[in-house]
Amino acid sequence: MNVINTNIAAIRATNASTSASAMLGTAMERLSTGKRINSAKD
């Protein structure tokens, strides 16, 4: 029988950190340009 050990808490923390970093990047881009629309996806 194979046993796979995973650290679910670490995976969730990594996902949360990645998401927070992406949102921070967007916020910094908006602050640095002073504009509401900085890219086509806005």
N, C-alpha and C. Protein backbone atom coordinates (compact mmCIF):
# COMPACT_ATOMS: atom_id res chain seq x y z
N MET A 1 0.85 -1.19 0.00
CA MET A 1 0.00 0.00 0.00
C MET A 1 0.89 1.25 0.00
N ASN A 2 0.61 2.15 -0.91
CA ASN A 2 1.38 3.39 -0.99
C ASN A 2 0.76 4.45 -0.10
N VAL A 3 1.61 5.21 0.53
CA VAL A 3 1.15 6.30 1.38
C VAL A 3 1.76 7.59 0.84
N ILE A 4 0.91 8.56 0.58
CA ILE A 4 1.38 9.86 0.10
C ILE A 4 1.17 10.87 1.21
N ASN A 5 2.24 11.43 1.69
CA ASN A 5 2.15 12.43 2.75
C ASN A 5 2.12 13.81 2.12
N THR A 6 1.09 14.57 2.44
CA THR A 6 1.01 15.94 1.96
C THR A 6 0.72 16.86 3.14
N ASN A 7 1.25 18.03 3.05
CA ASN A 7 1.01 19.02 4.08
C ASN A 7 -0.02 20.01 3.52
N ILE A 8 -1.28 19.74 3.82
CA ILE A 8 -2.37 20.55 3.27
C ILE A 8 -2.25 22.01 3.72
N ALA A 9 -1.86 22.21 4.96
CA ALA A 9 -1.72 23.58 5.46
C ALA A 9 -0.66 24.35 4.68
N ALA A 10 0.43 23.68 4.34
CA ALA A 10 1.49 24.34 3.57
C ALA A 10 1.03 24.66 2.16
N ILE A 11 0.26 23.75 1.56
CA ILE A 11 -0.26 24.00 0.21
C ILE A 11 -1.21 25.19 0.22
N ARG A 12 -2.08 25.25 1.21
CA ARG A 12 -3.01 26.38 1.31
C ARG A 12 -2.27 27.69 1.55
N ALA A 13 -1.25 27.65 2.39
CA ALA A 13 -0.47 28.86 2.66
C ALA A 13 0.25 29.34 1.40
N THR A 14 0.77 28.40 0.63
CA THR A 14 1.44 28.76 -0.62
C THR A 14 0.46 29.39 -1.59
N ASN A 15 -0.72 28.81 -1.72
CA ASN A 15 -1.74 29.37 -2.61
C ASN A 15 -2.16 30.77 -2.17
N ALA A 16 -2.34 30.96 -0.86
CA ALA A 16 -2.73 32.27 -0.35
C ALA A 16 -1.63 33.30 -0.60
N SER A 17 -0.39 32.89 -0.42
CA SER A 17 0.74 33.79 -0.65
C SER A 17 0.84 34.18 -2.12
N THR A 18 0.64 33.22 -3.00
CA THR A 18 0.67 33.51 -4.44
C THR A 18 -0.42 34.48 -4.83
N SER A 19 -1.61 34.26 -4.29
CA SER A 19 -2.74 35.15 -4.59
C SER A 19 -2.49 36.56 -4.06
N ALA A 20 -1.98 36.64 -2.84
CA ALA A 20 -1.70 37.95 -2.24
C ALA A 20 -0.62 38.69 -3.03
N SER A 21 0.38 37.96 -3.49
CA SER A 21 1.44 38.59 -4.28
C SER A 21 0.91 39.15 -5.59
N ALA A 22 0.00 38.41 -6.22
CA ALA A 22 -0.59 38.88 -7.48
C ALA A 22 -1.42 40.14 -7.25
N MET A 23 -2.21 40.15 -6.19
CA MET A 23 -3.04 41.33 -5.90
C MET A 23 -2.17 42.52 -5.52
N LEU A 24 -1.08 42.27 -4.80
CA LEU A 24 -0.16 43.35 -4.44
C LEU A 24 0.49 43.94 -5.68
N GLY A 25 0.85 43.10 -6.62
CA GLY A 25 1.43 43.58 -7.86
C GLY A 25 0.49 44.48 -8.62
N THR A 26 -0.78 44.09 -8.68
CA THR A 26 -1.79 44.92 -9.35
C THR A 26 -1.96 46.25 -8.63
N ALA A 27 -2.02 46.22 -7.31
CA ALA A 27 -2.18 47.45 -6.54
C ALA A 27 -0.98 48.37 -6.72
N MET A 28 0.22 47.81 -6.72
CA MET A 28 1.42 48.64 -6.90
C MET A 28 1.46 49.25 -8.29
N GLU A 29 1.01 48.50 -9.28
CA GLU A 29 0.97 49.04 -10.65
C GLU A 29 0.02 50.23 -10.72
N ARG A 30 -1.13 50.09 -10.08
CA ARG A 30 -2.10 51.19 -10.10
C ARG A 30 -1.59 52.40 -9.35
N LEU A 31 -0.94 52.17 -8.22
CA LEU A 31 -0.40 53.28 -7.44
C LEU A 31 0.74 53.99 -8.19
N SER A 32 1.57 53.21 -8.85
CA SER A 32 2.74 53.81 -9.50
C SER A 32 2.36 54.64 -10.72
N THR A 33 1.28 54.29 -11.39
CA THR A 33 0.90 55.04 -12.58
C THR A 33 -0.13 56.12 -12.28
N GLY A 34 -0.84 55.97 -11.17
CA GLY A 34 -1.87 56.94 -10.83
C GLY A 34 -3.10 56.83 -11.71
N LYS A 35 -3.23 55.73 -12.42
CA LYS A 35 -4.37 55.54 -13.32
C LYS A 35 -5.20 54.35 -12.85
N ARG A 36 -6.48 54.41 -13.18
CA ARG A 36 -7.35 53.28 -12.85
C ARG A 36 -7.21 52.16 -13.88
N ILE A 37 -7.00 52.52 -15.13
CA ILE A 37 -6.88 51.51 -16.18
C ILE A 37 -5.43 51.46 -16.64
N ASN A 38 -4.76 50.35 -16.36
CA ASN A 38 -3.35 50.20 -16.73
C ASN A 38 -3.13 49.13 -17.78
N SER A 39 -4.14 48.30 -17.98
CA SER A 39 -3.99 47.24 -18.98
C SER A 39 -5.35 46.92 -19.58
N ALA A 40 -5.36 46.13 -20.61
CA ALA A 40 -6.60 45.81 -21.32
C ALA A 40 -7.58 45.04 -20.44
N LYS A 41 -7.07 44.29 -19.47
CA LYS A 41 -7.97 43.49 -18.64
C LYS A 41 -8.67 44.30 -17.55
N ASP A 42 -8.26 45.54 -17.32
CA ASP A 42 -8.92 46.38 -16.31
C ASP A 42 -10.24 46.81 -16.83
